[in-house]
């Protein structure tokens, strides 16, 4: 069992050796080069992924053809389009590798089987769903209720990896502002 994966799972819910043996039996690996997509619109998200190396961005293309960044995933993050995964309906999003990436994948069928065989995995799934709900709700409220400057300050405080590892172009899209506006915000905040 991969140490980072085990630590990430235990951070959500401590598991027994039997629970980890069940997970180990259903784990497959993936590797994807920078620039390639793991998921595209029109395809059902059939896996939950755990990223051991690399960075991904989840984005959609708006009616004007602009790519809008919705979420990012870094090493030791789980990734899933939960709406597509749970409903078994096609996704609206792209998952694109921003660096060469590797990790583990857990299929929908295997996840459902783990829920049937282990109360701990069933509880883990509920806790993960609650976390995803909170993240989605926070993202909605960020865009609805905060000014662009407040959004930037919130991301600096709560998600420093975005500011430190994501280009200004991609960060500005995530914040719902133009790259020029983000430059002005950063300049204004850096002045005494």
N, C-alpha and C. Protein backbone atom coordinates (compact mmCIF):
# COMPACT_ATOMS: atom_id res chain seq x y z
N UNK A 1 0.85 -1.19 0.00
CA UNK A 1 0.00 0.00 0.00
C UNK A 1 0.88 1.24 0.00
N UNK A 2 0.60 2.15 -0.89
CA UNK A 2 1.34 3.40 -1.00
C UNK A 2 1.16 4.22 0.29
N UNK A 3 2.27 4.71 0.83
CA UNK A 3 2.26 5.44 2.11
C UNK A 3 1.41 6.71 2.02
N UNK A 4 1.58 7.50 0.95
CA UNK A 4 0.83 8.76 0.82
C UNK A 4 -0.67 8.49 0.72
N UNK A 5 -1.05 7.46 0.00
CA UNK A 5 -2.46 7.10 -0.12
C UNK A 5 -3.02 6.69 1.24
N UNK A 6 -2.27 5.86 1.94
CA UNK A 6 -2.71 5.39 3.25
C UNK A 6 -2.87 6.58 4.21
N UNK A 7 -1.94 7.51 4.19
CA UNK A 7 -2.02 8.69 5.06
C UNK A 7 -3.22 9.56 4.69
N UNK A 8 -3.48 9.72 3.40
CA UNK A 8 -4.61 10.54 2.97
C UNK A 8 -5.94 9.91 3.40
N UNK A 9 -6.03 8.60 3.28
CA UNK A 9 -7.25 7.91 3.71
C UNK A 9 -7.42 8.04 5.22
N UNK A 10 -6.35 7.76 5.97
CA UNK A 10 -6.42 7.83 7.44
C UNK A 10 -6.71 9.24 7.94
N UNK A 11 -6.35 10.25 7.17
CA UNK A 11 -6.66 11.63 7.56
C UNK A 11 -8.16 11.90 7.52
N UNK A 12 -8.87 11.17 6.65
CA UNK A 12 -10.33 11.31 6.57
C UNK A 12 -10.99 10.40 7.59
N UNK A 13 -10.52 9.14 7.65
CA UNK A 13 -11.09 8.16 8.56
C UNK A 13 -10.06 7.05 8.79
N UNK A 14 -9.62 6.86 10.03
CA UNK A 14 -8.66 5.78 10.29
C UNK A 14 -9.25 4.42 9.89
N UNK A 15 -8.44 3.64 9.18
CA UNK A 15 -8.89 2.36 8.64
C UNK A 15 -8.11 1.20 9.26
N UNK A 16 -8.72 0.02 9.21
CA UNK A 16 -8.08 -1.20 9.70
C UNK A 16 -7.20 -1.79 8.59
N UNK A 17 -6.38 -2.76 8.97
CA UNK A 17 -5.56 -3.47 7.98
C UNK A 17 -6.45 -4.19 6.97
N UNK A 18 -7.56 -4.75 7.43
CA UNK A 18 -8.49 -5.43 6.52
C UNK A 18 -9.09 -4.46 5.51
N UNK A 19 -9.42 -3.25 5.97
CA UNK A 19 -9.96 -2.24 5.06
C UNK A 19 -8.92 -1.87 4.00
N UNK A 20 -7.67 -1.73 4.43
CA UNK A 20 -6.63 -1.39 3.46
C UNK A 20 -6.36 -2.55 2.51
N UNK A 21 -6.49 -3.76 2.97
CA UNK A 21 -6.32 -4.92 2.08
C UNK A 21 -7.39 -4.91 0.99
N UNK A 22 -8.60 -4.53 1.36
CA UNK A 22 -9.68 -4.42 0.39
C UNK A 22 -9.37 -3.34 -0.65
N UNK A 23 -8.86 -2.19 -0.18
CA UNK A 23 -8.48 -1.11 -1.08
C UNK A 23 -7.34 -1.54 -2.01
N UNK A 24 -6.36 -2.20 -1.43
CA UNK A 24 -5.20 -2.63 -2.21
C UNK A 24 -5.61 -3.54 -3.37
N UNK A 25 -6.60 -4.40 -3.12
CA UNK A 25 -7.05 -5.34 -4.15
C UNK A 25 -7.74 -4.65 -5.32
N UNK A 26 -8.27 -3.45 -5.11
CA UNK A 26 -9.00 -2.78 -6.18
C UNK A 26 -8.24 -1.61 -6.79
N UNK A 27 -7.00 -1.42 -6.41
CA UNK A 27 -6.21 -0.28 -6.86
C UNK A 27 -5.53 -0.56 -8.18
N UNK A 28 -5.71 0.34 -9.13
CA UNK A 28 -4.93 0.29 -10.37
C UNK A 28 -4.14 1.60 -10.46
N UNK A 29 -3.12 1.61 -11.30
CA UNK A 29 -2.29 2.81 -11.43
C UNK A 29 -2.59 3.52 -12.74
N UNK A 30 -2.27 4.81 -12.77
CA UNK A 30 -2.35 5.56 -14.02
C UNK A 30 -1.13 6.46 -14.14
N UNK A 31 -0.80 6.78 -15.36
CA UNK A 31 0.29 7.69 -15.68
C UNK A 31 -0.15 8.47 -16.91
N UNK A 32 0.02 9.80 -16.86
CA UNK A 32 -0.45 10.63 -17.97
C UNK A 32 0.53 11.78 -18.18
N UNK A 33 0.93 12.03 -19.42
CA UNK A 33 1.90 13.11 -19.67
C UNK A 33 1.26 14.50 -19.60
N UNK A 34 2.09 15.47 -19.34
CA UNK A 34 1.67 16.86 -19.30
C UNK A 34 0.89 17.22 -20.57
N UNK A 35 -0.23 17.93 -20.37
CA UNK A 35 -1.04 18.38 -21.49
C UNK A 35 -2.15 17.43 -21.90
N UNK A 36 -2.07 16.16 -21.49
CA UNK A 36 -3.09 15.19 -21.85
C UNK A 36 -4.26 15.26 -20.86
N UNK A 37 -5.41 14.77 -21.30
CA UNK A 37 -6.59 14.80 -20.44
C UNK A 37 -6.91 13.41 -19.90
N UNK A 38 -7.40 13.41 -18.68
CA UNK A 38 -7.83 12.19 -18.02
C UNK A 38 -9.34 12.02 -18.16
N UNK A 39 -10.03 13.14 -18.33
CA UNK A 39 -11.48 13.14 -18.49
C UNK A 39 -11.83 14.27 -19.44
N UNK A 40 -12.85 14.07 -20.26
CA UNK A 40 -13.31 15.09 -21.20
C UNK A 40 -14.83 15.18 -21.17
N UNK A 41 -15.38 16.33 -21.57
CA UNK A 41 -16.85 16.44 -21.62
C UNK A 41 -17.44 15.35 -22.51
N UNK A 42 -18.61 14.86 -22.08
CA UNK A 42 -19.27 13.81 -22.84
C UNK A 42 -18.91 12.41 -22.39
N UNK A 43 -17.89 12.28 -21.55
CA UNK A 43 -17.50 10.98 -21.03
C UNK A 43 -17.89 10.87 -19.56
N UNK A 44 -18.31 9.71 -19.15
CA UNK A 44 -18.64 9.48 -17.74
C UNK A 44 -17.36 9.32 -16.95
N UNK A 45 -17.30 9.96 -15.79
CA UNK A 45 -16.16 9.79 -14.89
C UNK A 45 -16.32 8.44 -14.21
N UNK A 46 -15.52 7.47 -14.61
CA UNK A 46 -15.64 6.11 -14.12
C UNK A 46 -14.72 5.77 -12.96
N UNK A 47 -13.88 6.73 -12.55
CA UNK A 47 -12.89 6.45 -11.51
C UNK A 47 -12.78 7.61 -10.52
N UNK A 48 -12.40 7.24 -9.31
CA UNK A 48 -11.86 8.21 -8.35
C UNK A 48 -10.36 8.06 -8.45
N UNK A 49 -9.65 9.16 -8.54
CA UNK A 49 -8.20 9.14 -8.69
C UNK A 49 -7.53 9.69 -7.44
N UNK A 50 -6.34 9.17 -7.16
CA UNK A 50 -5.49 9.71 -6.11
C UNK A 50 -4.18 10.06 -6.77
N UNK A 51 -3.77 11.30 -6.68
CA UNK A 51 -2.60 11.81 -7.37
C UNK A 51 -1.35 11.69 -6.49
N UNK A 52 -0.35 10.97 -6.98
CA UNK A 52 0.92 10.85 -6.24
C UNK A 52 1.99 11.79 -6.79
N UNK A 53 1.88 12.15 -8.07
CA UNK A 53 2.83 13.08 -8.70
C UNK A 53 2.06 13.90 -9.72
N UNK A 54 2.40 15.19 -9.80
CA UNK A 54 1.82 16.04 -10.83
C UNK A 54 0.77 17.00 -10.31
N UNK A 55 0.17 17.70 -11.27
CA UNK A 55 -0.88 18.70 -10.99
C UNK A 55 -1.91 18.58 -12.11
N UNK A 56 -3.19 18.66 -11.73
CA UNK A 56 -4.28 18.66 -12.71
C UNK A 56 -5.11 19.91 -12.54
N UNK A 57 -5.74 20.31 -13.64
CA UNK A 57 -6.75 21.35 -13.56
C UNK A 57 -8.05 20.79 -14.12
N UNK A 58 -9.14 21.15 -13.47
CA UNK A 58 -10.48 20.81 -13.94
C UNK A 58 -11.04 22.09 -14.53
N UNK A 59 -11.46 22.03 -15.80
CA UNK A 59 -11.97 23.24 -16.43
C UNK A 59 -13.09 22.90 -17.40
N UNK A 60 -13.81 23.94 -17.79
CA UNK A 60 -14.84 23.80 -18.82
C UNK A 60 -14.63 24.92 -19.83
N UNK A 61 -15.26 24.80 -20.97
CA UNK A 61 -15.17 25.82 -22.01
C UNK A 61 -16.52 26.53 -22.07
N UNK A 62 -16.50 27.86 -21.87
CA UNK A 62 -17.76 28.62 -21.86
C UNK A 62 -18.25 28.85 -23.30
N UNK A 63 -19.46 29.39 -23.47
CA UNK A 63 -20.01 29.59 -24.82
C UNK A 63 -19.15 30.49 -25.73
N UNK A 64 -18.29 31.32 -25.13
CA UNK A 64 -17.40 32.18 -25.93
C UNK A 64 -16.07 31.50 -26.25
N UNK A 65 -15.93 30.24 -25.85
CA UNK A 65 -14.71 29.50 -26.16
C UNK A 65 -13.59 29.68 -25.15
N UNK A 66 -13.87 30.35 -24.03
CA UNK A 66 -12.84 30.55 -22.99
C UNK A 66 -12.79 29.35 -22.05
N UNK A 67 -11.58 28.96 -21.69
CA UNK A 67 -11.39 27.89 -20.70
C UNK A 67 -11.51 28.50 -19.31
N UNK A 68 -12.43 27.96 -18.52
CA UNK A 68 -12.66 28.46 -17.17
C UNK A 68 -12.21 27.38 -16.18
N UNK A 69 -11.20 27.71 -15.40
CA UNK A 69 -10.69 26.77 -14.40
C UNK A 69 -11.64 26.69 -13.22
N UNK A 70 -11.99 25.46 -12.87
CA UNK A 70 -12.96 25.23 -11.81
C UNK A 70 -12.30 24.68 -10.54
N UNK A 71 -11.27 23.86 -10.71
CA UNK A 71 -10.61 23.24 -9.57
C UNK A 71 -9.21 22.80 -9.99
N UNK A 72 -8.34 22.64 -9.01
CA UNK A 72 -6.99 22.12 -9.24
C UNK A 72 -6.74 20.96 -8.27
N UNK A 73 -5.91 20.02 -8.66
CA UNK A 73 -5.54 18.90 -7.80
C UNK A 73 -4.03 18.76 -7.80
N UNK A 74 -3.48 18.62 -6.62
CA UNK A 74 -2.04 18.48 -6.43
C UNK A 74 -1.74 17.09 -5.86
N UNK A 75 -0.45 16.82 -5.70
CA UNK A 75 -0.03 15.55 -5.11
C UNK A 75 -0.75 15.33 -3.79
N UNK A 76 -1.12 14.10 -3.55
CA UNK A 76 -1.84 13.62 -2.36
C UNK A 76 -3.29 14.10 -2.31
N UNK A 77 -3.83 14.54 -3.44
CA UNK A 77 -5.26 14.90 -3.54
C UNK A 77 -6.02 13.80 -4.24
N UNK A 78 -7.26 13.61 -3.82
CA UNK A 78 -8.20 12.78 -4.57
C UNK A 78 -8.82 13.65 -5.65
N UNK A 79 -9.16 13.07 -6.79
CA UNK A 79 -9.80 13.79 -7.88
C UNK A 79 -10.98 12.96 -8.39
N UNK A 80 -12.10 13.63 -8.59
CA UNK A 80 -13.26 12.98 -9.18
C UNK A 80 -14.24 14.05 -9.61
N UNK A 81 -14.93 13.82 -10.69
CA UNK A 81 -16.09 14.64 -11.02
C UNK A 81 -17.25 13.91 -10.37
N UNK A 82 -17.57 14.29 -9.13
CA UNK A 82 -18.54 13.54 -8.34
C UNK A 82 -19.91 13.49 -8.99
N UNK A 83 -20.32 14.58 -9.63
CA UNK A 83 -21.63 14.59 -10.29
C UNK A 83 -21.71 13.48 -11.33
N UNK A 84 -20.70 13.40 -12.18
CA UNK A 84 -20.68 12.37 -13.22
C UNK A 84 -20.49 10.98 -12.62
N UNK A 85 -19.58 10.86 -11.67
CA UNK A 85 -19.28 9.57 -11.04
C UNK A 85 -20.52 8.98 -10.38
N UNK A 86 -21.24 9.79 -9.61
CA UNK A 86 -22.41 9.29 -8.87
C UNK A 86 -23.63 9.07 -9.76
N UNK A 87 -23.85 10.00 -10.69
CA UNK A 87 -25.05 9.91 -11.52
C UNK A 87 -24.87 8.99 -12.72
N UNK A 88 -23.61 8.67 -13.05
CA UNK A 88 -23.27 7.87 -14.23
C UNK A 88 -23.64 8.60 -15.51
N UNK A 89 -23.68 9.94 -15.44
CA UNK A 89 -23.97 10.77 -16.61
C UNK A 89 -22.68 11.42 -17.10
N UNK A 90 -22.64 11.83 -18.37
CA UNK A 90 -21.42 12.43 -18.91
C UNK A 90 -21.00 13.70 -18.17
N UNK A 91 -19.71 13.87 -18.08
CA UNK A 91 -19.12 15.04 -17.44
C UNK A 91 -19.23 16.26 -18.35
N UNK A 92 -19.13 17.43 -17.75
CA UNK A 92 -19.04 18.69 -18.49
C UNK A 92 -17.62 19.24 -18.48
N UNK A 93 -16.71 18.53 -17.82
CA UNK A 93 -15.38 19.05 -17.53
C UNK A 93 -14.26 18.28 -18.21
N UNK A 94 -13.14 18.98 -18.33
CA UNK A 94 -11.86 18.39 -18.70
C UNK A 94 -11.03 18.26 -17.43
N UNK A 95 -10.29 17.15 -17.29
CA UNK A 95 -9.22 17.03 -16.30
C UNK A 95 -7.93 16.96 -17.10
N UNK A 96 -7.12 18.00 -17.04
CA UNK A 96 -5.89 18.07 -17.84
C UNK A 96 -4.66 18.08 -16.93
N UNK A 97 -3.67 17.27 -17.28
CA UNK A 97 -2.41 17.24 -16.53
C UNK A 97 -1.61 18.49 -16.86
N UNK A 98 -1.23 19.23 -15.84
CA UNK A 98 -0.41 20.43 -16.02
C UNK A 98 1.08 20.09 -15.89
N UNK A 99 1.36 18.90 -15.38
CA UNK A 99 2.70 18.31 -15.29
C UNK A 99 2.52 16.82 -15.54
N UNK A 100 3.59 16.12 -15.86
CA UNK A 100 3.50 14.66 -15.94
C UNK A 100 2.92 14.16 -14.62
N UNK A 101 1.97 13.25 -14.70
CA UNK A 101 1.25 12.85 -13.49
C UNK A 101 1.15 11.34 -13.37
N UNK A 102 1.09 10.89 -12.12
CA UNK A 102 0.92 9.48 -11.80
C UNK A 102 0.03 9.37 -10.57
N UNK A 103 -0.57 8.21 -10.43
CA UNK A 103 -1.38 7.98 -9.24
C UNK A 103 -2.12 6.67 -9.32
N UNK A 104 -3.19 6.61 -8.54
CA UNK A 104 -4.00 5.41 -8.43
C UNK A 104 -5.42 5.72 -8.85
N UNK A 105 -6.09 4.71 -9.38
CA UNK A 105 -7.48 4.84 -9.81
C UNK A 105 -8.32 3.75 -9.15
N UNK A 106 -9.56 4.13 -8.81
CA UNK A 106 -10.52 3.21 -8.19
C UNK A 106 -11.80 3.31 -9.00
N UNK A 107 -12.18 2.20 -9.62
CA UNK A 107 -13.33 2.21 -10.51
C UNK A 107 -14.64 2.34 -9.73
N UNK A 108 -15.66 2.79 -10.43
CA UNK A 108 -16.99 2.92 -9.84
C UNK A 108 -17.45 1.59 -9.25
N UNK A 109 -17.32 0.53 -10.01
CA UNK A 109 -17.75 -0.79 -9.54
C UNK A 109 -17.00 -1.24 -8.31
N UNK A 110 -15.68 -1.01 -8.29
CA UNK A 110 -14.89 -1.40 -7.12
C UNK A 110 -15.26 -0.58 -5.89
N UNK A 111 -15.51 0.71 -6.09
CA UNK A 111 -15.91 1.58 -4.97
C UNK A 111 -17.24 1.09 -4.40
N UNK A 112 -18.19 0.77 -5.28
CA UNK A 112 -19.49 0.27 -4.80
C UNK A 112 -19.32 -1.06 -4.05
N UNK A 113 -18.43 -1.90 -4.53
CA UNK A 113 -18.17 -3.17 -3.86
C UNK A 113 -17.55 -2.94 -2.49
N UNK A 114 -16.62 -2.00 -2.39
CA UNK A 114 -16.00 -1.68 -1.09
C UNK A 114 -17.06 -1.17 -0.11
N UNK A 115 -18.00 -0.35 -0.60
CA UNK A 115 -19.09 0.13 0.26
C UNK A 115 -19.91 -1.03 0.79
N UNK A 116 -20.14 -2.04 -0.04
CA UNK A 116 -20.94 -3.21 0.36
C UNK A 116 -20.21 -4.07 1.38
N UNK A 117 -18.89 -4.16 1.24
CA UNK A 117 -18.11 -5.08 2.06
C UNK A 117 -17.58 -4.48 3.36
N UNK A 118 -17.57 -3.15 3.45
CA UNK A 118 -16.96 -2.52 4.62
C UNK A 118 -17.74 -1.28 5.05
N UNK A 119 -18.18 -1.29 6.28
CA UNK A 119 -18.85 -0.09 6.81
C UNK A 119 -17.89 1.10 6.84
N UNK A 120 -16.60 0.81 7.08
CA UNK A 120 -15.62 1.90 7.11
C UNK A 120 -15.51 2.58 5.74
N UNK A 121 -15.48 1.78 4.66
CA UNK A 121 -15.39 2.38 3.33
C UNK A 121 -16.67 3.12 2.98
N UNK A 122 -17.81 2.59 3.43
CA UNK A 122 -19.06 3.30 3.19
C UNK A 122 -19.05 4.65 3.92
N UNK A 123 -18.58 4.65 5.13
CA UNK A 123 -18.49 5.90 5.90
C UNK A 123 -17.46 6.85 5.26
N UNK A 124 -16.34 6.29 4.82
CA UNK A 124 -15.32 7.09 4.13
C UNK A 124 -15.93 7.79 2.91
N UNK A 125 -16.71 7.05 2.13
CA UNK A 125 -17.37 7.63 0.96
C UNK A 125 -18.29 8.78 1.32
N UNK A 126 -19.05 8.61 2.41
CA UNK A 126 -19.94 9.70 2.85
C UNK A 126 -19.14 10.92 3.27
N UNK A 127 -18.06 10.70 4.03
CA UNK A 127 -17.23 11.83 4.48
C UNK A 127 -16.58 12.55 3.30
N UNK A 128 -16.14 11.79 2.30
CA UNK A 128 -15.55 12.40 1.10
C UNK A 128 -16.61 13.21 0.35
N UNK A 129 -17.82 12.66 0.24
CA UNK A 129 -18.90 13.39 -0.43
C UNK A 129 -19.21 14.69 0.30
N UNK A 130 -19.18 14.66 1.63
CA UNK A 130 -19.42 15.87 2.40
C UNK A 130 -18.32 16.90 2.14
N UNK A 131 -17.07 16.44 2.06
CA UNK A 131 -15.96 17.36 1.76
C UNK A 131 -16.11 17.99 0.38
N UNK A 132 -16.50 17.18 -0.60
CA UNK A 132 -16.69 17.70 -1.95
C UNK A 132 -17.82 18.73 -1.95
N UNK A 133 -18.91 18.44 -1.26
CA UNK A 133 -20.01 19.39 -1.17
C UNK A 133 -19.53 20.72 -0.57
N UNK A 134 -18.75 20.65 0.50
CA UNK A 134 -18.25 21.87 1.13
C UNK A 134 -17.34 22.64 0.17
N UNK A 135 -16.50 21.94 -0.57
CA UNK A 135 -15.61 22.61 -1.53
C UNK A 135 -16.40 23.29 -2.63
N UNK A 136 -17.41 22.60 -3.16
CA UNK A 136 -18.24 23.18 -4.22
C UNK A 136 -18.99 24.39 -3.70
N UNK A 137 -19.56 24.28 -2.51
CA UNK A 137 -20.30 25.39 -1.93
C UNK A 137 -19.39 26.58 -1.66
N UNK A 138 -18.18 26.32 -1.17
CA UNK A 138 -17.23 27.40 -0.93
C UNK A 138 -16.87 28.10 -2.24
N UNK A 139 -16.69 27.32 -3.29
CA UNK A 139 -16.35 27.89 -4.61
C UNK A 139 -17.49 28.79 -5.10
N UNK A 140 -18.73 28.34 -4.96
CA UNK A 140 -19.89 29.14 -5.38
C UNK A 140 -19.95 30.43 -4.58
N UNK A 141 -19.80 30.33 -3.27
CA UNK A 141 -19.88 31.53 -2.43
C UNK A 141 -18.71 32.47 -2.69
N UNK A 142 -17.56 31.92 -2.99
CA UNK A 142 -16.40 32.75 -3.33
C UNK A 142 -16.73 33.66 -4.51
N UNK A 143 -17.34 33.09 -5.54
CA UNK A 143 -17.66 33.86 -6.74
C UNK A 143 -18.87 34.77 -6.55
N UNK A 144 -19.82 34.36 -5.73
CA UNK A 144 -21.04 35.14 -5.57
C UNK A 144 -20.92 36.29 -4.58
N UNK A 145 -20.17 36.09 -3.51
CA UNK A 145 -20.24 37.04 -2.41
C UNK A 145 -18.97 37.84 -2.14
N UNK A 146 -17.86 37.49 -2.78
CA UNK A 146 -16.61 38.20 -2.52
C UNK A 146 -16.17 39.00 -3.74
N UNK A 147 -15.55 40.13 -3.47
CA UNK A 147 -14.98 40.93 -4.55
C UNK A 147 -13.76 40.20 -5.10
N UNK A 148 -13.29 40.58 -6.29
CA UNK A 148 -12.08 39.93 -6.83
C UNK A 148 -10.89 39.98 -5.86
N UNK A 149 -10.70 41.11 -5.20
CA UNK A 149 -9.59 41.22 -4.25
C UNK A 149 -9.80 40.28 -3.06
N UNK A 150 -11.02 40.21 -2.55
CA UNK A 150 -11.32 39.30 -1.45
C UNK A 150 -11.14 37.85 -1.86
N UNK A 151 -11.51 37.52 -3.10
CA UNK A 151 -11.31 36.16 -3.61
C UNK A 151 -9.83 35.80 -3.60
N UNK A 152 -9.02 36.73 -4.11
CA UNK A 152 -7.58 36.50 -4.16
C UNK A 152 -7.02 36.30 -2.74
N UNK A 153 -7.40 37.17 -1.82
CA UNK A 153 -6.91 37.06 -0.43
C UNK A 153 -7.37 35.75 0.22
N UNK A 154 -8.58 35.34 -0.10
CA UNK A 154 -9.09 34.07 0.44
C UNK A 154 -8.25 32.90 -0.08
N UNK A 155 -7.94 32.90 -1.37
CA UNK A 155 -7.13 31.83 -1.95
C UNK A 155 -5.72 31.85 -1.36
N UNK A 156 -5.14 33.03 -1.18
CA UNK A 156 -3.82 33.14 -0.57
C UNK A 156 -3.83 32.51 0.82
N UNK A 157 -4.89 32.77 1.59
CA UNK A 157 -4.96 32.29 2.96
C UNK A 157 -5.30 30.80 3.05
N UNK A 158 -6.16 30.31 2.16
CA UNK A 158 -6.66 28.94 2.30
C UNK A 158 -6.07 27.93 1.32
N UNK A 159 -5.54 28.41 0.19
CA UNK A 159 -4.99 27.51 -0.83
C UNK A 159 -3.68 28.06 -1.38
N UNK A 160 -2.67 28.21 -0.54
CA UNK A 160 -1.42 28.83 -1.00
C UNK A 160 -0.76 28.10 -2.17
N UNK A 161 -1.01 26.80 -2.32
CA UNK A 161 -0.43 26.06 -3.45
C UNK A 161 -0.90 26.64 -4.78
N UNK A 162 -2.12 27.13 -4.83
CA UNK A 162 -2.61 27.75 -6.07
C UNK A 162 -1.78 28.96 -6.43
N UNK A 163 -1.52 29.80 -5.45
CA UNK A 163 -0.77 31.03 -5.70
C UNK A 163 0.69 30.72 -6.02
N UNK A 164 1.24 29.70 -5.37
CA UNK A 164 2.66 29.39 -5.53
C UNK A 164 2.99 28.52 -6.74
N UNK A 165 2.02 27.75 -7.24
CA UNK A 165 2.34 26.77 -8.28
C UNK A 165 1.52 26.88 -9.56
N UNK A 166 0.54 27.75 -9.59
CA UNK A 166 -0.31 27.89 -10.76
C UNK A 166 -0.02 29.22 -11.43
N UNK A 167 0.05 29.23 -12.74
CA UNK A 167 0.36 30.46 -13.47
C UNK A 167 -0.72 31.51 -13.22
N UNK A 168 -0.33 32.77 -13.40
CA UNK A 168 -1.28 33.87 -13.22
C UNK A 168 -2.46 33.73 -14.19
N UNK A 169 -2.20 33.24 -15.37
CA UNK A 169 -3.26 33.05 -16.36
C UNK A 169 -4.33 32.08 -15.83
N UNK A 170 -3.89 30.92 -15.32
CA UNK A 170 -4.83 29.92 -14.81
C UNK A 170 -5.47 30.36 -13.49
N UNK A 171 -4.70 31.03 -12.64
CA UNK A 171 -5.24 31.51 -11.37
C UNK A 171 -6.32 32.57 -11.61
N UNK A 172 -6.09 33.46 -12.56
CA UNK A 172 -7.08 34.51 -12.84
C UNK A 172 -8.39 33.90 -13.32
N UNK A 173 -8.30 32.87 -14.16
CA UNK A 173 -9.51 32.20 -14.62
C UNK A 173 -10.27 31.58 -13.44
N UNK A 174 -9.55 30.95 -12.54
CA UNK A 174 -10.16 30.35 -11.34
C UNK A 174 -10.85 31.40 -10.48
N UNK A 175 -10.24 32.59 -10.40
CA UNK A 175 -10.80 33.67 -9.58
C UNK A 175 -11.90 34.45 -10.29
N UNK A 176 -12.10 34.19 -11.57
CA UNK A 176 -13.14 34.88 -12.32
C UNK A 176 -12.77 36.30 -12.71
N UNK A 177 -11.48 36.54 -12.93
CA UNK A 177 -11.00 37.86 -13.35
C UNK A 177 -10.04 37.69 -14.52
N UNK A 178 -9.72 38.78 -15.18
CA UNK A 178 -8.74 38.72 -16.27
C UNK A 178 -7.33 38.70 -15.67
N UNK A 179 -6.35 38.21 -16.42
CA UNK A 179 -4.97 38.24 -15.92
C UNK A 179 -4.52 39.66 -15.59
N UNK A 180 -4.99 40.64 -16.36
CA UNK A 180 -4.62 42.04 -16.09
C UNK A 180 -5.20 42.52 -14.77
N UNK A 181 -6.44 42.14 -14.49
CA UNK A 181 -7.05 42.52 -13.21
C UNK A 181 -6.31 41.88 -12.04
N UNK A 182 -5.91 40.63 -12.21
CA UNK A 182 -5.17 39.96 -11.14
C UNK A 182 -3.83 40.66 -10.92
N UNK A 183 -3.17 41.09 -11.99
CA UNK A 183 -1.91 41.83 -11.85
C UNK A 183 -2.12 43.11 -11.04
N UNK A 184 -3.21 43.83 -11.34
CA UNK A 184 -3.50 45.06 -10.61
C UNK A 184 -3.78 44.77 -9.13
N UNK A 185 -4.52 43.71 -8.86
CA UNK A 185 -4.82 43.34 -7.47
C UNK A 185 -3.52 43.03 -6.73
N UNK A 186 -2.66 42.22 -7.33
CA UNK A 186 -1.39 41.86 -6.70
C UNK A 186 -0.52 43.10 -6.46
N UNK A 187 -0.49 43.98 -7.45
CA UNK A 187 0.32 45.19 -7.32
C UNK A 187 -0.22 46.06 -6.19
N UNK A 188 -1.53 46.24 -6.15
CA UNK A 188 -2.14 47.05 -5.10
C UNK A 188 -1.88 46.48 -3.71
N UNK A 189 -1.97 45.17 -3.58
CA UNK A 189 -1.75 44.53 -2.28
C UNK A 189 -0.29 44.52 -1.85
N UNK A 190 0.62 44.62 -2.79
CA UNK A 190 2.05 44.61 -2.45
C UNK A 190 2.56 45.98 -2.01
N UNK A 191 1.77 47.01 -2.27
CA UNK A 191 2.20 48.37 -1.89
C UNK A 191 1.90 48.62 -0.42
N UNK A 192 2.83 49.30 0.25
CA UNK A 192 2.62 49.58 1.70
C UNK A 192 1.49 50.56 1.95
